[in-house]
Amino acid sequence: MFAFPDPKAESLTSGPPGVWSEVLPHLVETAGTYWLTVSRAEGPPHTRPLLAVWVDGQPCFASGQSSAKSRLMASSPDVSLAFGTGRMDVVVEGTVEAVLDAERLDRVAAAYAERYGWAPAPGNGELTGPEGAPTAGPPPYRVFTVTPSTVFAFPADELPHGPTRWRFDVWP
């Protein structure tokens, strides 16, 4: 289900840290609004809502090629993606890259159809139609994935762990 071994978990309080392989299924089942923050060379950060899906253990999202977020990500791949699952509030920090693999694009399109009822068609390294993708701008849509460096989770519900930071660049 996920592309990474369990990353290094650090508790942010005196409670026990979460276990990534146990938390990831809650993230995959999330069906809410995500907030993407991209850095600008000068000026304030650019934060916009979007709909994301988890494929191969990583969040993926579609963006119109002429959108501001696509232009900014081309200049700086460092992003932050924040969302709530109902059970926890989560921040994924990492680098973004375009998804060009045809099989993975197929899985992303299928995940969008299942999660949000929006059924884009994959082809030629992007998604097309139907018109009016929520939060993505006009087609065609480039698909991006966030490779996490750090993930934070803050429980909003009774969970067997406290606030946790997972570092993907340091393995246990």
N, C-alpha and C. Protein backbone atom coordinates (compact mmCIF):
# COMPACT_ATOMS: atom_id res chain seq x y z
N MET A 1 0.80 -1.20 0.00
CA MET A 1 0.00 0.00 0.00
C MET A 1 0.85 1.26 0.00
N PHE A 2 2.05 1.25 0.57
CA PHE A 2 2.83 2.47 0.60
C PHE A 2 4.22 2.22 0.05
N ALA A 3 4.82 3.29 -0.46
CA ALA A 3 6.07 3.20 -1.19
C ALA A 3 7.30 3.28 -0.28
N PHE A 4 7.12 3.60 0.98
CA PHE A 4 8.25 3.81 1.86
C PHE A 4 8.21 2.84 3.03
N PRO A 5 9.39 2.46 3.55
CA PRO A 5 9.37 1.75 4.83
C PRO A 5 8.93 2.73 5.91
N ASP A 6 8.59 2.22 7.09
CA ASP A 6 8.18 3.12 8.16
C ASP A 6 9.30 4.12 8.42
N PRO A 7 9.00 5.42 8.34
CA PRO A 7 10.00 6.45 8.61
C PRO A 7 10.25 6.57 10.11
N LYS A 8 11.24 7.37 10.45
CA LYS A 8 11.55 7.62 11.86
C LYS A 8 10.43 8.44 12.47
N ALA A 9 9.83 7.92 13.54
CA ALA A 9 8.73 8.60 14.24
C ALA A 9 9.27 9.25 15.50
N GLU A 10 8.84 10.50 15.72
CA GLU A 10 9.22 11.23 16.92
C GLU A 10 7.95 11.80 17.55
N SER A 11 7.75 11.52 18.82
CA SER A 11 6.61 12.09 19.54
C SER A 11 6.88 13.57 19.79
N LEU A 12 5.85 14.40 19.61
CA LEU A 12 5.99 15.82 19.87
C LEU A 12 5.55 16.19 21.29
N THR A 13 5.07 15.18 22.04
CA THR A 13 4.68 15.36 23.44
C THR A 13 5.19 14.15 24.21
N SER A 14 4.69 13.99 25.42
CA SER A 14 5.10 12.84 26.23
C SER A 14 4.37 11.56 25.83
N GLY A 15 3.37 11.66 24.96
CA GLY A 15 2.62 10.48 24.52
C GLY A 15 3.43 9.65 23.53
N PRO A 16 2.98 8.45 23.24
CA PRO A 16 3.70 7.61 22.28
C PRO A 16 3.55 8.15 20.86
N PRO A 17 4.58 7.95 20.01
CA PRO A 17 4.45 8.39 18.63
C PRO A 17 3.56 7.44 17.83
N GLY A 18 3.04 7.94 16.72
CA GLY A 18 2.25 7.10 15.83
C GLY A 18 3.14 6.19 15.01
N VAL A 19 2.57 5.12 14.50
CA VAL A 19 3.26 4.19 13.62
C VAL A 19 2.76 4.48 12.20
N TRP A 20 3.69 4.83 11.31
CA TRP A 20 3.32 5.26 9.96
C TRP A 20 2.42 4.26 9.25
N SER A 21 2.75 2.99 9.30
CA SER A 21 1.96 1.98 8.58
C SER A 21 0.55 1.85 9.15
N GLU A 22 0.32 2.30 10.39
CA GLU A 22 -1.02 2.29 10.97
C GLU A 22 -1.77 3.59 10.68
N VAL A 23 -1.05 4.69 10.50
CA VAL A 23 -1.67 5.99 10.24
C VAL A 23 -1.99 6.17 8.76
N LEU A 24 -1.15 5.64 7.88
CA LEU A 24 -1.34 5.83 6.44
C LEU A 24 -2.73 5.46 5.94
N PRO A 25 -3.34 4.35 6.36
CA PRO A 25 -4.70 4.07 5.88
C PRO A 25 -5.71 5.17 6.19
N HIS A 26 -5.55 5.88 7.31
CA HIS A 26 -6.45 7.00 7.63
C HIS A 26 -6.25 8.16 6.65
N LEU A 27 -5.02 8.35 6.20
CA LEU A 27 -4.73 9.42 5.25
C LEU A 27 -5.31 9.08 3.88
N VAL A 28 -5.20 7.83 3.49
CA VAL A 28 -5.70 7.37 2.19
C VAL A 28 -7.21 7.53 2.11
N GLU A 29 -7.90 7.34 3.23
CA GLU A 29 -9.36 7.41 3.27
C GLU A 29 -9.89 8.83 3.37
N THR A 30 -9.02 9.80 3.49
CA THR A 30 -9.43 11.20 3.62
C THR A 30 -10.17 11.66 2.38
N ALA A 31 -11.28 12.36 2.58
CA ALA A 31 -12.04 12.89 1.45
C ALA A 31 -12.41 14.35 1.69
N GLY A 32 -11.42 15.14 2.01
CA GLY A 32 -11.70 16.54 2.31
C GLY A 32 -10.85 17.45 1.46
N THR A 33 -10.83 18.70 1.85
CA THR A 33 -10.05 19.70 1.14
C THR A 33 -8.63 19.70 1.67
N TYR A 34 -7.70 19.74 0.77
CA TYR A 34 -6.28 19.87 1.08
C TYR A 34 -5.89 21.32 0.79
N TRP A 35 -4.87 21.79 1.50
CA TRP A 35 -4.36 23.14 1.27
C TRP A 35 -2.90 23.03 0.88
N LEU A 36 -2.60 23.44 -0.36
CA LEU A 36 -1.24 23.40 -0.88
C LEU A 36 -0.59 24.77 -0.71
N THR A 37 0.60 24.78 -0.14
CA THR A 37 1.38 26.01 -0.02
C THR A 37 2.66 25.84 -0.82
N VAL A 38 2.88 26.80 -1.72
CA VAL A 38 4.06 26.83 -2.58
C VAL A 38 4.78 28.14 -2.30
N SER A 39 6.10 28.09 -2.28
CA SER A 39 6.89 29.30 -2.04
C SER A 39 6.94 30.17 -3.29
N ARG A 40 6.96 31.46 -3.06
CA ARG A 40 7.22 32.41 -4.15
C ARG A 40 8.65 32.92 -3.99
N ALA A 41 9.27 33.28 -5.09
CA ALA A 41 10.63 33.81 -5.02
C ALA A 41 10.67 35.06 -4.14
N GLU A 42 9.68 35.91 -4.31
CA GLU A 42 9.56 37.10 -3.48
C GLU A 42 8.10 37.26 -3.12
N GLY A 43 7.83 37.66 -1.91
CA GLY A 43 6.46 37.87 -1.51
C GLY A 43 5.93 36.72 -0.66
N PRO A 44 4.64 36.79 -0.37
CA PRO A 44 4.05 35.80 0.55
C PRO A 44 3.91 34.42 -0.10
N PRO A 45 3.79 33.38 0.71
CA PRO A 45 3.54 32.05 0.17
C PRO A 45 2.21 32.03 -0.58
N HIS A 46 2.08 31.12 -1.51
CA HIS A 46 0.86 30.93 -2.31
C HIS A 46 0.16 29.69 -1.75
N THR A 47 -1.01 29.87 -1.15
CA THR A 47 -1.78 28.76 -0.56
C THR A 47 -3.13 28.68 -1.24
N ARG A 48 -3.47 27.48 -1.72
CA ARG A 48 -4.74 27.28 -2.42
C ARG A 48 -5.34 25.93 -2.04
N PRO A 49 -6.68 25.83 -2.05
CA PRO A 49 -7.32 24.54 -1.79
C PRO A 49 -7.23 23.65 -3.03
N LEU A 50 -7.19 22.36 -2.80
CA LEU A 50 -7.24 21.41 -3.90
C LEU A 50 -7.75 20.07 -3.39
N LEU A 51 -8.10 19.22 -4.31
CA LEU A 51 -8.53 17.86 -3.98
C LEU A 51 -7.39 16.91 -4.34
N ALA A 52 -6.98 16.12 -3.38
CA ALA A 52 -5.86 15.20 -3.59
C ALA A 52 -6.32 13.78 -3.34
N VAL A 53 -5.57 12.85 -3.87
CA VAL A 53 -5.79 11.42 -3.64
C VAL A 53 -4.44 10.80 -3.29
N TRP A 54 -4.49 9.72 -2.54
CA TRP A 54 -3.26 9.02 -2.17
C TRP A 54 -3.10 7.81 -3.08
N VAL A 55 -1.97 7.76 -3.77
CA VAL A 55 -1.65 6.66 -4.68
C VAL A 55 -0.21 6.25 -4.40
N ASP A 56 0.00 4.96 -4.19
CA ASP A 56 1.33 4.43 -3.91
C ASP A 56 1.96 5.08 -2.67
N GLY A 57 1.11 5.38 -1.68
CA GLY A 57 1.61 5.93 -0.42
C GLY A 57 1.97 7.39 -0.45
N GLN A 58 1.62 8.10 -1.52
CA GLN A 58 1.95 9.51 -1.62
C GLN A 58 0.72 10.30 -2.07
N PRO A 59 0.58 11.54 -1.59
CA PRO A 59 -0.52 12.37 -2.07
C PRO A 59 -0.25 12.83 -3.50
N CYS A 60 -1.30 12.81 -4.32
CA CYS A 60 -1.23 13.26 -5.71
C CYS A 60 -2.36 14.25 -5.95
N PHE A 61 -2.13 15.20 -6.84
CA PHE A 61 -3.17 16.17 -7.17
C PHE A 61 -2.99 16.64 -8.60
N ALA A 62 -4.09 17.16 -9.16
CA ALA A 62 -4.10 17.67 -10.52
C ALA A 62 -4.07 19.18 -10.50
N SER A 63 -3.41 19.76 -11.49
CA SER A 63 -3.33 21.22 -11.59
C SER A 63 -3.27 21.60 -13.06
N GLY A 64 -4.08 22.57 -13.44
CA GLY A 64 -4.02 23.08 -14.81
C GLY A 64 -2.63 23.64 -15.08
N GLN A 65 -2.13 23.39 -16.28
CA GLN A 65 -0.75 23.78 -16.59
C GLN A 65 -0.53 25.29 -16.57
N SER A 66 -1.59 26.07 -16.74
CA SER A 66 -1.43 27.52 -16.74
C SER A 66 -1.73 28.15 -15.37
N SER A 67 -2.04 27.31 -14.37
CA SER A 67 -2.39 27.86 -13.05
C SER A 67 -1.16 28.42 -12.35
N ALA A 68 -1.40 29.33 -11.42
CA ALA A 68 -0.31 29.92 -10.65
C ALA A 68 0.45 28.86 -9.87
N LYS A 69 -0.27 27.89 -9.28
CA LYS A 69 0.45 26.88 -8.49
C LYS A 69 1.37 26.04 -9.37
N SER A 70 0.95 25.73 -10.60
CA SER A 70 1.83 24.97 -11.50
C SER A 70 3.07 25.78 -11.87
N ARG A 71 2.89 27.06 -12.16
CA ARG A 71 4.04 27.91 -12.49
C ARG A 71 5.00 28.03 -11.30
N LEU A 72 4.44 28.20 -10.10
CA LEU A 72 5.30 28.33 -8.92
C LEU A 72 6.03 27.03 -8.60
N MET A 73 5.35 25.89 -8.76
CA MET A 73 6.01 24.60 -8.49
C MET A 73 7.14 24.34 -9.48
N ALA A 74 7.03 24.87 -10.71
CA ALA A 74 8.10 24.73 -11.69
C ALA A 74 9.34 25.49 -11.24
N SER A 75 9.14 26.58 -10.48
CA SER A 75 10.26 27.38 -9.98
C SER A 75 10.85 26.84 -8.69
N SER A 76 9.98 26.29 -7.84
CA SER A 76 10.42 25.78 -6.55
C SER A 76 9.60 24.54 -6.19
N PRO A 77 10.24 23.38 -6.13
CA PRO A 77 9.49 22.15 -5.86
C PRO A 77 9.16 21.92 -4.38
N ASP A 78 9.59 22.80 -3.49
CA ASP A 78 9.31 22.62 -2.06
C ASP A 78 7.88 23.07 -1.76
N VAL A 79 7.10 22.16 -1.18
CA VAL A 79 5.69 22.45 -0.89
C VAL A 79 5.31 21.93 0.49
N SER A 80 4.15 22.40 0.92
CA SER A 80 3.52 21.91 2.14
C SER A 80 2.06 21.62 1.79
N LEU A 81 1.55 20.50 2.23
CA LEU A 81 0.18 20.10 1.96
C LEU A 81 -0.48 19.80 3.30
N ALA A 82 -1.50 20.58 3.66
CA ALA A 82 -2.17 20.44 4.96
C ALA A 82 -3.62 20.01 4.75
N PHE A 83 -4.12 19.16 5.65
CA PHE A 83 -5.50 18.68 5.56
C PHE A 83 -5.90 18.05 6.88
N GLY A 84 -7.19 17.86 7.05
CA GLY A 84 -7.72 17.17 8.21
C GLY A 84 -8.42 15.90 7.77
N THR A 85 -8.36 14.88 8.60
CA THR A 85 -9.03 13.62 8.28
C THR A 85 -10.28 13.41 9.12
N GLY A 86 -10.53 14.30 10.06
CA GLY A 86 -11.60 14.09 11.03
C GLY A 86 -11.04 13.44 12.30
N ARG A 87 -10.01 12.63 12.13
CA ARG A 87 -9.35 12.00 13.28
C ARG A 87 -8.03 12.69 13.62
N MET A 88 -7.45 13.37 12.63
CA MET A 88 -6.20 14.07 12.87
C MET A 88 -6.02 15.18 11.85
N ASP A 89 -5.23 16.18 12.23
CA ASP A 89 -4.81 17.24 11.32
C ASP A 89 -3.39 16.90 10.88
N VAL A 90 -3.13 17.03 9.57
CA VAL A 90 -1.89 16.53 9.00
C VAL A 90 -1.23 17.60 8.14
N VAL A 91 0.10 17.65 8.20
CA VAL A 91 0.90 18.49 7.32
C VAL A 91 1.97 17.60 6.69
N VAL A 92 2.00 17.59 5.36
CA VAL A 92 3.02 16.87 4.60
C VAL A 92 3.96 17.91 4.01
N GLU A 93 5.23 17.84 4.38
CA GLU A 93 6.24 18.73 3.80
C GLU A 93 7.13 17.90 2.90
N GLY A 94 7.44 18.42 1.72
CA GLY A 94 8.29 17.67 0.82
C GLY A 94 8.50 18.37 -0.49
N THR A 95 8.87 17.59 -1.48
CA THR A 95 9.09 18.12 -2.82
C THR A 95 8.06 17.53 -3.77
N VAL A 96 7.68 18.35 -4.72
CA VAL A 96 6.66 17.95 -5.68
C VAL A 96 7.34 17.61 -7.00
N GLU A 97 6.78 16.62 -7.67
CA GLU A 97 7.27 16.29 -9.00
C GLU A 97 6.09 15.82 -9.85
N ALA A 98 6.23 16.01 -11.14
CA ALA A 98 5.17 15.60 -12.07
C ALA A 98 5.11 14.08 -12.15
N VAL A 99 3.90 13.56 -12.25
CA VAL A 99 3.68 12.12 -12.46
C VAL A 99 3.50 11.93 -13.96
N LEU A 100 4.41 11.18 -14.58
CA LEU A 100 4.35 10.96 -16.02
C LEU A 100 4.15 9.50 -16.38
N ASP A 101 4.35 8.60 -15.44
CA ASP A 101 4.19 7.17 -15.68
C ASP A 101 2.73 6.86 -16.00
N ALA A 102 2.49 6.21 -17.14
CA ALA A 102 1.12 5.95 -17.60
C ALA A 102 0.32 5.09 -16.62
N GLU A 103 0.94 4.08 -16.04
CA GLU A 103 0.22 3.21 -15.10
C GLU A 103 -0.14 3.97 -13.83
N ARG A 104 0.75 4.79 -13.37
CA ARG A 104 0.44 5.57 -12.16
C ARG A 104 -0.64 6.62 -12.46
N LEU A 105 -0.59 7.24 -13.64
CA LEU A 105 -1.65 8.18 -14.02
C LEU A 105 -3.00 7.48 -14.06
N ASP A 106 -3.03 6.24 -14.54
CA ASP A 106 -4.27 5.45 -14.53
C ASP A 106 -4.79 5.29 -13.10
N ARG A 107 -3.88 4.99 -12.15
CA ARG A 107 -4.29 4.80 -10.76
C ARG A 107 -4.78 6.12 -10.14
N VAL A 108 -4.14 7.22 -10.50
CA VAL A 108 -4.57 8.53 -9.98
C VAL A 108 -5.96 8.86 -10.52
N ALA A 109 -6.19 8.65 -11.82
CA ALA A 109 -7.51 8.93 -12.41
C ALA A 109 -8.58 8.07 -11.75
N ALA A 110 -8.28 6.80 -11.52
CA ALA A 110 -9.24 5.90 -10.86
C ALA A 110 -9.50 6.34 -9.43
N ALA A 111 -8.47 6.80 -8.73
CA ALA A 111 -8.64 7.26 -7.35
C ALA A 111 -9.51 8.52 -7.30
N TYR A 112 -9.34 9.44 -8.25
CA TYR A 112 -10.20 10.63 -8.31
C TYR A 112 -11.65 10.23 -8.54
N ALA A 113 -11.87 9.30 -9.46
CA ALA A 113 -13.25 8.86 -9.75
C ALA A 113 -13.88 8.24 -8.52
N GLU A 114 -13.11 7.42 -7.81
CA GLU A 114 -13.65 6.74 -6.62
C GLU A 114 -13.88 7.71 -5.46
N ARG A 115 -12.92 8.59 -5.22
CA ARG A 115 -12.97 9.47 -4.06
C ARG A 115 -13.94 10.65 -4.24
N TYR A 116 -13.91 11.27 -5.43
CA TYR A 116 -14.65 12.51 -5.63
C TYR A 116 -15.73 12.44 -6.70
N GLY A 117 -15.81 11.33 -7.44
CA GLY A 117 -16.79 11.23 -8.51
C GLY A 117 -16.39 12.02 -9.76
N TRP A 118 -15.15 12.49 -9.81
CA TRP A 118 -14.63 13.19 -10.98
C TRP A 118 -13.79 12.18 -11.76
N ALA A 119 -14.13 11.92 -13.00
CA ALA A 119 -13.50 10.85 -13.77
C ALA A 119 -12.68 11.40 -14.93
N PRO A 120 -11.47 11.87 -14.67
CA PRO A 120 -10.62 12.35 -15.76
C PRO A 120 -10.05 11.18 -16.55
N ALA A 121 -9.63 11.46 -17.78
CA ALA A 121 -9.03 10.44 -18.64
C ALA A 121 -7.52 10.66 -18.70
N PRO A 122 -6.73 9.62 -18.38
CA PRO A 122 -5.28 9.77 -18.48
C PRO A 122 -4.81 9.57 -19.92
N GLY A 123 -3.74 10.26 -20.27
CA GLY A 123 -3.14 10.09 -21.58
C GLY A 123 -2.09 11.14 -21.84
N ASN A 124 -1.02 10.76 -22.51
CA ASN A 124 0.06 11.68 -22.89
C ASN A 124 0.64 12.44 -21.69
N GLY A 125 0.78 11.76 -20.58
CA GLY A 125 1.42 12.37 -19.41
C GLY A 125 0.58 13.37 -18.65
N GLU A 126 -0.75 13.35 -18.87
CA GLU A 126 -1.62 14.28 -18.17
C GLU A 126 -3.03 13.70 -18.08
N LEU A 127 -3.91 14.45 -17.42
CA LEU A 127 -5.32 14.08 -17.36
C LEU A 127 -6.10 15.09 -18.18
N THR A 128 -7.15 14.61 -18.83
CA THR A 128 -8.02 15.50 -19.59
C THR A 128 -9.45 15.27 -19.15
N GLY A 129 -10.30 16.30 -19.39
CA GLY A 129 -11.73 16.23 -19.11
C GLY A 129 -12.06 15.45 -17.86
N PRO A 130 -13.25 15.39 -17.45
CA PRO A 130 -14.29 16.27 -17.95
C PRO A 130 -14.01 17.72 -17.54
N GLU A 131 -14.62 18.61 -18.26
CA GLU A 131 -14.44 20.04 -18.03
C GLU A 131 -14.81 20.39 -16.59
N GLY A 132 -14.14 21.40 -16.07
CA GLY A 132 -14.52 21.92 -14.76
C GLY A 132 -14.04 21.10 -13.58
N ALA A 133 -12.80 20.63 -13.63
CA ALA A 133 -12.26 19.88 -12.50
C ALA A 133 -12.24 20.77 -11.27
N PRO A 134 -12.73 20.25 -10.15
CA PRO A 134 -12.76 21.07 -8.94
C PRO A 134 -11.35 21.45 -8.50
N THR A 135 -11.11 22.72 -8.33
CA THR A 135 -9.87 23.32 -7.81
C THR A 135 -8.66 23.17 -8.72
N ALA A 136 -8.80 22.61 -9.92
CA ALA A 136 -7.62 22.34 -10.75
C ALA A 136 -7.43 23.32 -11.90
N GLY A 137 -8.42 24.18 -12.18
CA GLY A 137 -8.31 25.06 -13.31
C GLY A 137 -8.74 24.33 -14.58
N PRO A 138 -8.51 24.94 -15.74
CA PRO A 138 -8.94 24.32 -17.00
C PRO A 138 -8.00 23.19 -17.44
N PRO A 139 -8.54 22.22 -18.20
CA PRO A 139 -7.70 21.13 -18.70
C PRO A 139 -6.76 21.64 -19.79
N PRO A 140 -5.71 20.89 -20.11
CA PRO A 140 -5.35 19.59 -19.52
C PRO A 140 -4.73 19.78 -18.14
N TYR A 141 -4.66 18.68 -17.39
CA TYR A 141 -4.17 18.72 -16.02
C TYR A 141 -2.89 17.93 -15.89
N ARG A 142 -1.89 18.56 -15.34
CA ARG A 142 -0.66 17.86 -14.99
C ARG A 142 -0.90 17.27 -13.61
N VAL A 143 -0.44 16.06 -13.38
CA VAL A 143 -0.56 15.41 -12.07
C VAL A 143 0.77 15.53 -11.36
N PHE A 144 0.69 15.91 -10.09
CA PHE A 144 1.88 16.04 -9.26
C PHE A 144 1.75 15.12 -8.05
N THR A 145 2.89 14.70 -7.55
CA THR A 145 2.93 13.94 -6.30
C THR A 145 3.90 14.63 -5.36
N VAL A 146 3.65 14.50 -4.08
CA VAL A 146 4.53 15.06 -3.07
C VAL A 146 5.32 13.91 -2.45
N THR A 147 6.63 13.97 -2.60
CA THR A 147 7.51 13.02 -1.92
C THR A 147 7.82 13.63 -0.56
N PRO A 148 7.31 13.00 0.50
CA PRO A 148 7.45 13.64 1.82
C PRO A 148 8.88 13.58 2.35
N SER A 149 9.27 14.67 3.01
CA SER A 149 10.49 14.65 3.81
C SER A 149 10.10 14.55 5.28
N THR A 150 9.00 15.26 5.64
CA THR A 150 8.48 15.25 7.00
C THR A 150 6.96 15.28 6.96
N VAL A 151 6.34 14.50 7.83
CA VAL A 151 4.88 14.52 7.98
C VAL A 151 4.57 14.73 9.46
N PHE A 152 3.66 15.64 9.74
CA PHE A 152 3.20 15.90 11.10
C PHE A 152 1.74 15.46 11.20
N ALA A 153 1.37 14.84 12.31
CA ALA A 153 -0.03 14.49 12.56
C ALA A 153 -0.38 14.91 13.98
N PHE A 154 -1.50 15.63 14.10
CA PHE A 154 -1.97 16.11 15.39
C PHE A 154 -3.35 15.51 15.63
N PRO A 155 -3.48 14.56 16.56
CA PRO A 155 -4.77 13.91 16.78
C PRO A 155 -5.87 14.90 17.14
N ALA A 156 -7.03 14.73 16.51
CA ALA A 156 -8.21 15.52 16.82
C ALA A 156 -9.28 14.63 17.42
N ASP A 157 -8.95 13.38 17.62
CA ASP A 157 -9.87 12.34 18.08
C ASP A 157 -9.05 11.43 19.00
N GLU A 158 -9.71 10.52 19.66
CA GLU A 158 -9.01 9.55 20.50
C GLU A 158 -8.23 8.59 19.61
N LEU A 159 -6.92 8.69 19.66
CA LEU A 159 -6.04 7.80 18.92
C LEU A 159 -5.02 7.22 19.89
N PRO A 160 -4.43 6.10 19.54
CA PRO A 160 -3.47 5.48 20.45
C PRO A 160 -2.10 6.16 20.46
N HIS A 161 -2.00 7.31 19.78
CA HIS A 161 -0.73 8.03 19.77
C HIS A 161 -0.98 9.52 19.92
N GLY A 162 0.07 10.21 20.29
CA GLY A 162 0.00 11.65 20.41
C GLY A 162 0.48 12.33 19.14
N PRO A 163 0.65 13.64 19.18
CA PRO A 163 1.20 14.35 18.03
C PRO A 163 2.55 13.75 17.64
N THR A 164 2.72 13.56 16.34
CA THR A 164 3.90 12.84 15.85
C THR A 164 4.50 13.54 14.65
N ARG A 165 5.84 13.48 14.57
CA ARG A 165 6.58 13.91 13.38
C ARG A 165 7.27 12.67 12.82
N TRP A 166 7.04 12.42 11.53
CA TRP A 166 7.75 11.34 10.84
C TRP A 166 8.76 11.96 9.90
N ARG A 167 9.99 11.50 9.96
CA ARG A 167 11.05 11.99 9.06
C ARG A 167 11.37 10.89 8.07
N PHE A 168 11.22 11.23 6.80
CA PHE A 168 11.46 10.25 5.74
C PHE A 168 12.88 10.24 5.26
N ASP A 169 13.68 11.18 5.74
CA ASP A 169 15.09 11.20 5.35
C ASP A 169 15.99 10.55 6.40
N VAL A 170 15.38 10.09 7.49
CA VAL A 170 16.11 9.42 8.57
C VAL A 170 15.34 8.14 8.88
N TRP A 171 15.92 6.99 8.65
CA TRP A 171 15.23 5.72 8.88
C TRP A 171 15.59 5.18 10.25
N PRO A 172 14.62 4.53 10.90
CA PRO A 172 14.90 3.99 12.25
C PRO A 172 16.04 2.98 12.24
